[in-house]
All heavy atoms as atom14 arrays in JSON, in Angstrom:
{
  "sequence": "ILSHSHPDHIGSAKKIKTDTDCCIMAHVGEKKWIEDTEKQASERPVPG",
  "atom14_mask": [
    [1, 1, 1, 1, 1, 1, 1, 1, 0, 0, 0, 0, 0, 0],
    [1, 1, 1, 1, 1, 1, 1, 1, 0, 0, 0, 0, 0, 0],
    [1, 1, 1, 1, 1, 1, 0, 0, 0, 0, 0, 0, 0, 0],
    [1, 1, 1, 1, 1, 1, 1, 1, 1, 1, 0, 0, 0, 0],
    [1, 1, 1, 1, 1, 1, 0, 0, 0, 0, 0, 0, 0, 0],
    [1, 1, 1, 1, 1, 1, 1, 1, 1, 1, 0, 0, 0, 0],
    [1, 1, 1, 1, 1, 1, 1, 0, 0, 0, 0, 0, 0, 0],
    [1, 1, 1, 1, 1, 1, 1, 1, 0, 0, 0, 0, 0, 0],
    [1, 1, 1, 1, 1, 1, 1, 1, 1, 1, 0, 0, 0, 0],
    [1, 1, 1, 1, 1, 1, 1, 1, 0, 0, 0, 0, 0, 0],
    [1, 1, 1, 1, 0, 0, 0, 0, 0, 0, 0, 0, 0, 0],
    [1, 1, 1, 1, 1, 1, 0, 0, 0, 0, 0, 0, 0, 0],
    [1, 1, 1, 1, 1, 0, 0, 0, 0, 0, 0, 0, 0, 0],
    [1, 1, 1, 1, 1, 1, 1, 1, 1, 0, 0, 0, 0, 0],
    [1, 1, 1, 1, 1, 1, 1, 1, 1, 0, 0, 0, 0, 0],
    [1, 1, 1, 1, 1, 1, 1, 1, 0, 0, 0, 0, 0, 0],
    [1, 1, 1, 1, 1, 1, 1, 1, 1, 0, 0, 0, 0, 0],
    [1, 1, 1, 1, 1, 1, 1, 0, 0, 0, 0, 0, 0, 0],
    [1, 1, 1, 1, 1, 1, 1, 1, 0, 0, 0, 0, 0, 0],
    [1, 1, 1, 1, 1, 1, 1, 0, 0, 0, 0, 0, 0, 0],
    [1, 1, 1, 1, 1, 1, 1, 1, 0, 0, 0, 0, 0, 0],
    [1, 1, 1, 1, 1, 1, 0, 0, 0, 0, 0, 0, 0, 0],
    [1, 1, 1, 1, 1, 1, 0, 0, 0, 0, 0, 0, 0, 0],
    [1, 1, 1, 1, 1, 1, 1, 1, 0, 0, 0, 0, 0, 0],
    [1, 1, 1, 1, 1, 1, 1, 1, 0, 0, 0, 0, 0, 0],
    [1, 1, 1, 1, 1, 0, 0, 0, 0, 0, 0, 0, 0, 0],
    [1, 1, 1, 1, 1, 1, 1, 1, 1, 1, 0, 0, 0, 0],
    [1, 1, 1, 1, 1, 1, 1, 0, 0, 0, 0, 0, 0, 0],
    [1, 1, 1, 1, 0, 0, 0, 0, 0, 0, 0, 0, 0, 0],
    [1, 1, 1, 1, 1, 1, 1, 1, 1, 0, 0, 0, 0, 0],
    [1, 1, 1, 1, 1, 1, 1, 1, 1, 0, 0, 0, 0, 0],
    [1, 1, 1, 1, 1, 1, 1, 1, 1, 0, 0, 0, 0, 0],
    [1, 1, 1, 1, 1, 1, 1, 1, 1, 1, 1, 1, 1, 1],
    [1, 1, 1, 1, 1, 1, 1, 1, 0, 0, 0, 0, 0, 0],
    [1, 1, 1, 1, 1, 1, 1, 1, 1, 0, 0, 0, 0, 0],
    [1, 1, 1, 1, 1, 1, 1, 1, 0, 0, 0, 0, 0, 0],
    [1, 1, 1, 1, 1, 1, 1, 0, 0, 0, 0, 0, 0, 0],
    [1, 1, 1, 1, 1, 1, 1, 1, 1, 0, 0, 0, 0, 0],
    [1, 1, 1, 1, 1, 1, 1, 1, 1, 0, 0, 0, 0, 0],
    [1, 1, 1, 1, 1, 1, 1, 1, 1, 0, 0, 0, 0, 0],
    [1, 1, 1, 1, 1, 0, 0, 0, 0, 0, 0, 0, 0, 0],
    [1, 1, 1, 1, 1, 1, 0, 0, 0, 0, 0, 0, 0, 0],
    [1, 1, 1, 1, 1, 1, 1, 1, 1, 0, 0, 0, 0, 0],
    [1, 1, 1, 1, 1, 1, 1, 1, 1, 1, 1, 0, 0, 0],
    [1, 1, 1, 1, 1, 1, 1, 0, 0, 0, 0, 0, 0, 0],
    [1, 1, 1, 1, 1, 1, 1, 0, 0, 0, 0, 0, 0, 0],
    [1, 1, 1, 1, 1, 1, 1, 0, 0, 0, 0, 0, 0, 0],
    [1, 1, 1, 1, 0, 0, 0, 0, 0, 0, 0, 0, 0, 0]
  ],
  "atom14_positions": [
    [[133.78, 106.02, 91.65], [133.39, 107.11, 92.54], [132.19, 106.64, 93.36], [131.15, 106.28, 92.79], [133.0, 108.37, 91.74], [134.09, 108.73, 90.74], [132.71, 109.53, 92.67], [133.64, 109.71, 89.67], [0.0, 0.0, 0.0], [0.0, 0.0, 0.0], [0.0, 0.0, 0.0], [0.0, 0.0, 0.0], [0.0, 0.0, 0.0], [0.0, 0.0, 0.0]],
    [[132.31, 106.66, 94.67], [131.22, 106.25, 95.54], [130.53, 107.5, 96.07], [131.14, 108.29, 96.8], [131.75, 105.38, 96.68], [132.44, 104.08, 96.24], [133.03, 103.34, 97.44], [131.46, 103.18, 95.49], [0.0, 0.0, 0.0], [0.0, 0.0, 0.0], [0.0, 0.0, 0.0], [0.0, 0.0, 0.0], [0.0, 0.0, 0.0], [0.0, 0.0, 0.0]],
    [[129.27, 107.67, 95.69], [128.55, 108.89, 96.09], [128.34, 108.95, 97.59], [128.28, 110.04, 98.16], [127.21, 108.97, 95.36], [126.35, 107.91, 95.74], [0.0, 0.0, 0.0], [0.0, 0.0, 0.0], [0.0, 0.0, 0.0], [0.0, 0.0, 0.0], [0.0, 0.0, 0.0], [0.0, 0.0, 0.0], [0.0, 0.0, 0.0], [0.0, 0.0, 0.0]],
    [[128.21, 107.8, 98.22], [128.17, 107.7, 99.68], [128.3, 106.24, 100.06], [128.52, 105.38, 99.18], [126.9, 108.35, 100.27], [125.61, 107.76, 99.8], [125.15, 107.89, 98.51], [124.66, 107.04, 100.46], [123.99, 107.3, 98.39], [123.66, 106.77, 99.54], [0.0, 0.0, 0.0], [0.0, 0.0, 0.0], [0.0, 0.0, 0.0], [0.0, 0.0, 0.0]],
    [[128.19, 105.94, 101.33], [128.62, 104.63, 101.83], [127.51, 103.62, 102.04], [127.76, 102.52, 102.52], [129.35, 104.82, 103.17], [128.5, 105.45, 104.12], [0.0, 0.0, 0.0], [0.0, 0.0, 0.0], [0.0, 0.0, 0.0], [0.0, 0.0, 0.0], [0.0, 0.0, 0.0], [0.0, 0.0, 0.0], [0.0, 0.0, 0.0], [0.0, 0.0, 0.0]],
    [[126.27, 103.93, 101.68], [125.17, 103.01, 101.96], [125.27, 101.74, 101.11], [125.86, 101.76, 100.02], [123.84, 103.72, 101.75], [123.58, 104.81, 102.75], [122.6, 105.76, 102.61], [124.21, 105.1, 103.93], [122.61, 106.59, 103.64], [123.58, 106.2, 104.45], [0.0, 0.0, 0.0], [0.0, 0.0, 0.0], [0.0, 0.0, 0.0], [0.0, 0.0, 0.0]],
    [[124.69, 100.62, 101.59], [124.91, 99.31, 100.97], [124.61, 99.23, 99.49], [125.33, 98.54, 98.75], [123.96, 98.4, 101.77], [123.8, 99.06, 103.08], [123.86, 100.52, 102.81], [0.0, 0.0, 0.0], [0.0, 0.0, 0.0], [0.0, 0.0, 0.0], [0.0, 0.0, 0.0], [0.0, 0.0, 0.0], [0.0, 0.0, 0.0], [0.0, 0.0, 0.0]],
    [[123.54, 99.9, 99.02], [123.17, 99.77, 97.62], [124.07, 100.57, 96.69], [123.9, 100.52, 95.47], [121.7, 100.17, 97.4], [121.34, 101.51, 97.99], [121.99, 101.93, 98.96], [120.39, 102.15, 97.5], [0.0, 0.0, 0.0], [0.0, 0.0, 0.0], [0.0, 0.0, 0.0], [0.0, 0.0, 0.0], [0.0, 0.0, 0.0], [0.0, 0.0, 0.0]],
    [[125.05, 101.26, 97.26], [126.0, 102.03, 96.45], [127.42, 101.47, 96.49], [128.19, 101.69, 95.57], [126.0, 103.49, 96.92], [124.67, 104.15, 96.76], [124.36, 104.95, 95.68], [123.55, 104.1, 97.51], [123.11, 105.38, 95.79], [122.59, 104.87, 96.9], [0.0, 0.0, 0.0], [0.0, 0.0, 0.0], [0.0, 0.0, 0.0], [0.0, 0.0, 0.0]],
    [[127.74, 100.74, 97.56], [129.1, 100.2, 97.71], [129.15, 98.68, 97.65], [130.21, 98.08, 97.8], [129.74, 100.67, 99.03], [129.06, 100.0, 100.25], [129.7, 102.19, 99.16], [129.86, 100.12, 101.53], [0.0, 0.0, 0.0], [0.0, 0.0, 0.0], [0.0, 0.0, 0.0], [0.0, 0.0, 0.0], [0.0, 0.0, 0.0], [0.0, 0.0, 0.0]],
    [[128.0, 98.03, 97.4], [127.92, 96.57, 97.52], [128.92, 95.79, 96.71], [129.48, 94.79, 97.18], [0.0, 0.0, 0.0], [0.0, 0.0, 0.0], [0.0, 0.0, 0.0], [0.0, 0.0, 0.0], [0.0, 0.0, 0.0], [0.0, 0.0, 0.0], [0.0, 0.0, 0.0], [0.0, 0.0, 0.0], [0.0, 0.0, 0.0], [0.0, 0.0, 0.0]],
    [[129.16, 96.22, 95.46], [130.1, 95.5, 94.57], [131.47, 96.16, 94.5], [132.31, 95.74, 93.69], [129.51, 95.41, 93.15], [128.47, 94.46, 93.11], [0.0, 0.0, 0.0], [0.0, 0.0, 0.0], [0.0, 0.0, 0.0], [0.0, 0.0, 0.0], [0.0, 0.0, 0.0], [0.0, 0.0, 0.0], [0.0, 0.0, 0.0], [0.0, 0.0, 0.0]],
    [[131.71, 97.16, 95.32], [132.97, 97.9, 95.23], [134.19, 97.02, 95.47], [135.2, 97.12, 94.76], [132.97, 99.07, 96.22], [0.0, 0.0, 0.0], [0.0, 0.0, 0.0], [0.0, 0.0, 0.0], [0.0, 0.0, 0.0], [0.0, 0.0, 0.0], [0.0, 0.0, 0.0], [0.0, 0.0, 0.0], [0.0, 0.0, 0.0], [0.0, 0.0, 0.0]],
    [[134.1, 96.13, 96.45], [135.24, 95.26, 96.75], [135.57, 94.37, 95.55], [136.74, 94.2, 95.19], [134.94, 94.41, 97.99], [136.08, 93.49, 98.39], [135.72, 92.7, 99.65], [136.86, 91.78, 100.05], [136.51, 91.0, 101.28], [0.0, 0.0, 0.0], [0.0, 0.0, 0.0], [0.0, 0.0, 0.0], [0.0, 0.0, 0.0], [0.0, 0.0, 0.0]],
    [[134.54, 93.8, 94.94], [134.74, 92.92, 93.78], [135.33, 93.68, 92.61], [136.27, 93.2, 91.95], [133.4, 92.3, 93.39], [133.41, 91.5, 92.1], [134.3, 90.28, 92.17], [134.14, 89.45, 90.9], [135.13, 88.34, 90.85], [0.0, 0.0, 0.0], [0.0, 0.0, 0.0], [0.0, 0.0, 0.0], [0.0, 0.0, 0.0], [0.0, 0.0, 0.0]],
    [[134.81, 94.86, 92.33], [135.3, 95.66, 91.21], [136.75, 96.09, 91.45], [137.57, 96.07, 90.53], [134.39, 96.88, 90.97], [133.01, 96.42, 90.5], [135.0, 97.84, 89.95], [131.97, 97.51, 90.44], [0.0, 0.0, 0.0], [0.0, 0.0, 0.0], [0.0, 0.0, 0.0], [0.0, 0.0, 0.0], [0.0, 0.0, 0.0], [0.0, 0.0, 0.0]],
    [[137.06, 96.45, 92.68], [138.44, 96.8, 93.01], [139.37, 95.62, 92.8], [140.47, 95.76, 92.22], [138.52, 97.29, 94.47], [139.93, 97.54, 94.99], [140.59, 98.71, 94.3], [141.93, 99.03, 94.96], [142.61, 100.19, 94.33], [0.0, 0.0, 0.0], [0.0, 0.0, 0.0], [0.0, 0.0, 0.0], [0.0, 0.0, 0.0], [0.0, 0.0, 0.0]],
    [[138.96, 94.44, 93.23], [139.77, 93.24, 93.07], [140.01, 92.92, 91.6], [141.11, 92.55, 91.19], [139.1, 92.05, 93.76], [138.96, 92.32, 95.16], [139.91, 90.77, 93.58], [0.0, 0.0, 0.0], [0.0, 0.0, 0.0], [0.0, 0.0, 0.0], [0.0, 0.0, 0.0], [0.0, 0.0, 0.0], [0.0, 0.0, 0.0], [0.0, 0.0, 0.0]],
    [[138.96, 93.08, 90.79], [139.05, 92.72, 89.37], [139.87, 93.72, 88.55], [140.52, 93.33, 87.57], [137.64, 92.63, 88.76], [136.86, 91.43, 89.25], [137.47, 90.52, 89.85], [135.63, 91.41, 89.03], [0.0, 0.0, 0.0], [0.0, 0.0, 0.0], [0.0, 0.0, 0.0], [0.0, 0.0, 0.0], [0.0, 0.0, 0.0], [0.0, 0.0, 0.0]],
    [[139.82, 94.99, 88.9], [140.37, 96.03, 88.03], [141.47, 96.87, 88.66], [142.17, 97.6, 87.96], [139.26, 96.99, 87.58], [138.81, 97.76, 88.71], [138.08, 96.23, 86.98], [0.0, 0.0, 0.0], [0.0, 0.0, 0.0], [0.0, 0.0, 0.0], [0.0, 0.0, 0.0], [0.0, 0.0, 0.0], [0.0, 0.0, 0.0], [0.0, 0.0, 0.0]],
    [[141.62, 96.79, 89.99], [142.55, 97.66, 90.71], [142.29, 99.14, 90.42], [143.22, 99.95, 90.34], [144.01, 97.3, 90.39], [144.98, 97.91, 91.41], [144.58, 98.05, 92.59], [146.11, 98.25, 91.03], [0.0, 0.0, 0.0], [0.0, 0.0, 0.0], [0.0, 0.0, 0.0], [0.0, 0.0, 0.0], [0.0, 0.0, 0.0], [0.0, 0.0, 0.0]],
    [[141.02, 99.49, 90.27], [140.66, 100.89, 90.01], [140.85, 101.74, 91.26], [140.98, 101.22, 92.38], [139.2, 100.98, 89.55], [138.01, 100.39, 90.77], [0.0, 0.0, 0.0], [0.0, 0.0, 0.0], [0.0, 0.0, 0.0], [0.0, 0.0, 0.0], [0.0, 0.0, 0.0], [0.0, 0.0, 0.0], [0.0, 0.0, 0.0], [0.0, 0.0, 0.0]],
    [[140.87, 103.04, 91.07], [141.0, 104.0, 92.17], [139.63, 104.23, 92.79], [138.7, 104.67, 92.11], [141.57, 105.31, 91.64], [141.74, 106.61, 92.89], [0.0, 0.0, 0.0], [0.0, 0.0, 0.0], [0.0, 0.0, 0.0], [0.0, 0.0, 0.0], [0.0, 0.0, 0.0], [0.0, 0.0, 0.0], [0.0, 0.0, 0.0], [0.0, 0.0, 0.0]],
    [[139.49, 103.92, 94.06], [138.23, 104.14, 94.78], [138.23, 105.56, 95.33], [139.13, 105.95, 96.08], [138.06, 103.13, 95.93], [138.18, 101.69, 95.43], [136.73, 103.37, 96.65], [137.06, 101.24, 94.53], [0.0, 0.0, 0.0], [0.0, 0.0, 0.0], [0.0, 0.0, 0.0], [0.0, 0.0, 0.0], [0.0, 0.0, 0.0], [0.0, 0.0, 0.0]],
    [[137.21, 106.33, 94.95], [137.1, 107.73, 95.36], [135.85, 107.94, 96.21], [134.78, 107.39, 95.9], [137.02, 108.64, 94.13], [138.18, 108.53, 93.17], [137.97, 109.69, 91.78], [139.45, 109.35, 90.83], [0.0, 0.0, 0.0], [0.0, 0.0, 0.0], [0.0, 0.0, 0.0], [0.0, 0.0, 0.0], [0.0, 0.0, 0.0], [0.0, 0.0, 0.0]],
    [[135.98, 108.75, 97.26], [134.83, 109.06, 98.12], [135.15, 110.27, 98.97], [136.32, 110.66, 99.13], [134.47, 107.87, 99.0], [0.0, 0.0, 0.0], [0.0, 0.0, 0.0], [0.0, 0.0, 0.0], [0.0, 0.0, 0.0], [0.0, 0.0, 0.0], [0.0, 0.0, 0.0], [0.0, 0.0, 0.0], [0.0, 0.0, 0.0], [0.0, 0.0, 0.0]],
    [[134.12, 110.87, 99.55], [134.28, 112.0, 100.47], [134.73, 111.48, 101.83], [134.38, 110.36, 102.23], [132.94, 112.73, 100.58], [133.0, 114.03, 101.32], [132.95, 114.1, 102.7], [133.12, 115.3, 100.87], [133.02, 115.37, 103.06], [133.13, 116.12, 101.97], [0.0, 0.0, 0.0], [0.0, 0.0, 0.0], [0.0, 0.0, 0.0], [0.0, 0.0, 0.0]],
    [[135.49, 112.28, 102.54], [136.02, 111.86, 103.84], [134.91, 111.5, 104.81], [135.08, 110.63, 105.68], [136.93, 112.97, 104.44], [136.12, 114.22, 104.76], [137.67, 112.46, 105.67], [0.0, 0.0, 0.0], [0.0, 0.0, 0.0], [0.0, 0.0, 0.0], [0.0, 0.0, 0.0], [0.0, 0.0, 0.0], [0.0, 0.0, 0.0], [0.0, 0.0, 0.0]],
    [[133.73, 112.13, 104.68], [132.62, 111.85, 105.57], [132.07, 110.43, 105.44], [131.35, 109.96, 106.32], [0.0, 0.0, 0.0], [0.0, 0.0, 0.0], [0.0, 0.0, 0.0], [0.0, 0.0, 0.0], [0.0, 0.0, 0.0], [0.0, 0.0, 0.0], [0.0, 0.0, 0.0], [0.0, 0.0, 0.0], [0.0, 0.0, 0.0], [0.0, 0.0, 0.0]],
    [[132.41, 109.73, 104.36], [131.92, 108.37, 104.12], [133.0, 107.31, 104.31], [132.72, 106.12, 104.29], [131.36, 108.26, 102.7], [130.29, 109.28, 102.37], [129.05, 109.12, 103.24], [128.5, 108.02, 103.31], [128.63, 110.12, 103.86], [0.0, 0.0, 0.0], [0.0, 0.0, 0.0], [0.0, 0.0, 0.0], [0.0, 0.0, 0.0], [0.0, 0.0, 0.0]],
    [[134.24, 107.76, 104.48], [135.4, 106.87, 104.46], [135.31, 105.74, 105.49], [135.56, 104.57, 105.17], [136.67, 107.69, 104.7], [137.98, 106.93, 104.62], [139.15, 107.9, 104.76], [140.49, 107.21, 104.56], [140.84, 106.34, 105.71], [0.0, 0.0, 0.0], [0.0, 0.0, 0.0], [0.0, 0.0, 0.0], [0.0, 0.0, 0.0], [0.0, 0.0, 0.0]],
    [[134.92, 106.06, 106.72], [134.97, 105.04, 107.78], [134.02, 103.88, 107.51], [134.33, 102.72, 107.81], [134.67, 105.67, 109.14], [133.26, 106.22, 109.29], [133.01, 106.77, 110.68], [131.57, 107.27, 110.82], [131.33, 107.8, 112.2], [0.0, 0.0, 0.0], [0.0, 0.0, 0.0], [0.0, 0.0, 0.0], [0.0, 0.0, 0.0], [0.0, 0.0, 0.0]],
    [[132.86, 104.16, 106.93], [131.89, 103.11, 106.68], [132.2, 102.32, 105.42], [131.76, 101.18, 105.27], [130.49, 103.7, 106.6], [129.85, 103.91, 107.95], [130.41, 103.63, 109.18], [128.54, 104.4, 108.21], [129.53, 103.94, 110.18], [128.37, 104.42, 109.61], [127.51, 104.84, 107.4], [127.19, 104.85, 110.21], [126.34, 105.28, 108.0], [126.18, 105.28, 109.38]],
    [[132.93, 102.91, 104.48], [133.35, 102.18, 103.29], [134.49, 101.23, 103.64], [134.53, 100.08, 103.19], [133.79, 103.16, 102.18], [132.58, 103.99, 101.71], [134.42, 102.42, 101.01], [132.96, 105.14, 100.79], [0.0, 0.0, 0.0], [0.0, 0.0, 0.0], [0.0, 0.0, 0.0], [0.0, 0.0, 0.0], [0.0, 0.0, 0.0], [0.0, 0.0, 0.0]],
    [[135.41, 101.71, 104.46], [136.59, 100.93, 104.82], [136.33, 99.93, 105.95], [137.16, 99.06, 106.21], [137.73, 101.87, 105.2], [138.19, 102.73, 104.04], [139.45, 103.51, 104.33], [139.77, 103.71, 105.53], [140.12, 103.92, 103.38], [0.0, 0.0, 0.0], [0.0, 0.0, 0.0], [0.0, 0.0, 0.0], [0.0, 0.0, 0.0], [0.0, 0.0, 0.0]],
    [[135.19, 100.05, 106.62], [134.84, 99.11, 107.69], [133.33, 98.87, 107.63], [132.55, 99.52, 108.32], [135.24, 99.67, 109.05], [135.08, 98.65, 110.18], [134.45, 97.6, 109.95], [135.58, 98.92, 111.3], [0.0, 0.0, 0.0], [0.0, 0.0, 0.0], [0.0, 0.0, 0.0], [0.0, 0.0, 0.0], [0.0, 0.0, 0.0], [0.0, 0.0, 0.0]],
    [[132.92, 97.94, 106.77], [131.49, 97.71, 106.59], [130.85, 97.08, 107.84], [129.65, 97.25, 108.06], [131.24, 96.82, 105.37], [132.02, 95.62, 105.45], [131.59, 97.56, 104.09], [0.0, 0.0, 0.0], [0.0, 0.0, 0.0], [0.0, 0.0, 0.0], [0.0, 0.0, 0.0], [0.0, 0.0, 0.0], [0.0, 0.0, 0.0], [0.0, 0.0, 0.0]],
    [[131.63, 96.39, 108.65], [131.08, 95.85, 109.9], [130.72, 96.99, 110.86], [129.74, 96.89, 111.59], [132.07, 94.88, 110.54], [132.21, 93.57, 109.79], [130.87, 92.86, 109.6], [130.1, 92.76, 110.58], [130.59, 92.41, 108.48], [0.0, 0.0, 0.0], [0.0, 0.0, 0.0], [0.0, 0.0, 0.0], [0.0, 0.0, 0.0], [0.0, 0.0, 0.0]],
    [[131.51, 98.04, 110.85], [131.2, 99.21, 111.66], [129.88, 99.84, 111.19], [129.04, 100.22, 112.01], [132.34, 100.23, 111.56], [132.15, 101.5, 112.39], [133.36, 102.41, 112.25], [133.21, 103.69, 113.07], [133.2, 103.41, 114.52], [0.0, 0.0, 0.0], [0.0, 0.0, 0.0], [0.0, 0.0, 0.0], [0.0, 0.0, 0.0], [0.0, 0.0, 0.0]],
    [[129.73, 99.92, 109.87], [128.48, 100.46, 109.34], [127.29, 99.57, 109.72], [126.24, 100.07, 110.12], [128.54, 100.6, 107.81], [127.24, 101.11, 107.23], [127.26, 101.33, 105.73], [126.24, 101.7, 105.16], [128.39, 101.14, 105.08], [0.0, 0.0, 0.0], [0.0, 0.0, 0.0], [0.0, 0.0, 0.0], [0.0, 0.0, 0.0], [0.0, 0.0, 0.0]],
    [[127.46, 98.26, 109.59], [126.38, 97.33, 109.92], [125.96, 97.46, 111.38], [124.78, 97.31, 111.72], [126.81, 95.9, 109.62], [0.0, 0.0, 0.0], [0.0, 0.0, 0.0], [0.0, 0.0, 0.0], [0.0, 0.0, 0.0], [0.0, 0.0, 0.0], [0.0, 0.0, 0.0], [0.0, 0.0, 0.0], [0.0, 0.0, 0.0], [0.0, 0.0, 0.0]],
    [[126.93, 97.77, 112.23], [126.65, 97.93, 113.66], [125.99, 99.27, 113.96], [125.04, 99.34, 114.76], [127.95, 97.8, 114.46], [127.74, 98.1, 115.82], [0.0, 0.0, 0.0], [0.0, 0.0, 0.0], [0.0, 0.0, 0.0], [0.0, 0.0, 0.0], [0.0, 0.0, 0.0], [0.0, 0.0, 0.0], [0.0, 0.0, 0.0], [0.0, 0.0, 0.0]],
    [[126.49, 100.33, 113.33], [126.0, 101.68, 113.65], [124.75, 102.07, 112.87], [123.99, 102.93, 113.3], [127.12, 102.7, 113.37], [128.32, 102.51, 114.27], [129.42, 103.53, 113.99], [129.3, 104.31, 113.01], [130.4, 103.56, 114.77], [0.0, 0.0, 0.0], [0.0, 0.0, 0.0], [0.0, 0.0, 0.0], [0.0, 0.0, 0.0], [0.0, 0.0, 0.0]],
    [[124.53, 101.43, 111.71], [123.35, 101.73, 110.89], [122.78, 100.41, 110.36], [122.91, 100.08, 109.19], [123.72, 102.65, 109.72], [122.54, 103.14, 108.9], [123.01, 104.04, 107.77], [121.89, 104.53, 106.97], [121.38, 103.9, 105.9], [121.91, 102.74, 105.5], [120.37, 104.41, 105.23], [0.0, 0.0, 0.0], [0.0, 0.0, 0.0], [0.0, 0.0, 0.0]],
    [[122.13, 99.64, 111.23], [121.64, 98.33, 110.81], [120.6, 98.45, 109.69], [119.68, 99.24, 109.77], [121.0, 97.77, 112.09], [121.51, 98.61, 113.2], [121.83, 99.94, 112.63], [0.0, 0.0, 0.0], [0.0, 0.0, 0.0], [0.0, 0.0, 0.0], [0.0, 0.0, 0.0], [0.0, 0.0, 0.0], [0.0, 0.0, 0.0], [0.0, 0.0, 0.0]],
    [[120.79, 97.69, 108.64], [119.85, 97.63, 107.52], [119.5, 96.15, 107.31], [120.4, 95.31, 107.28], [120.48, 98.22, 106.23], [119.59, 97.97, 105.03], [120.76, 99.7, 106.4], [0.0, 0.0, 0.0], [0.0, 0.0, 0.0], [0.0, 0.0, 0.0], [0.0, 0.0, 0.0], [0.0, 0.0, 0.0], [0.0, 0.0, 0.0], [0.0, 0.0, 0.0]],
    [[118.23, 95.81, 107.18], [117.88, 94.41, 106.94], [118.62, 93.83, 105.74], [118.69, 94.45, 104.68], [116.36, 94.47, 106.67], [115.9, 95.71, 107.37], [117.03, 96.69, 107.24], [0.0, 0.0, 0.0], [0.0, 0.0, 0.0], [0.0, 0.0, 0.0], [0.0, 0.0, 0.0], [0.0, 0.0, 0.0], [0.0, 0.0, 0.0], [0.0, 0.0, 0.0]],
    [[119.22, 92.66, 105.94], [119.93, 91.99, 104.85], [121.24, 92.65, 104.48], [121.74, 92.42, 103.37], [0.0, 0.0, 0.0], [0.0, 0.0, 0.0], [0.0, 0.0, 0.0], [0.0, 0.0, 0.0], [0.0, 0.0, 0.0], [0.0, 0.0, 0.0], [0.0, 0.0, 0.0], [0.0, 0.0, 0.0], [0.0, 0.0, 0.0], [0.0, 0.0, 0.0]]
  ]
}
């Protein structure tokens, strides 16, 4: 369950999904930035 899409909450999600094939859950308001991290990096730049 991803509480929201910011980097410190979704950082390992891809790895965990690959390892376990778990169900990724999130609110629709966060979906676009979870599914397109480059879009998030562009629209909400965070150092590192």
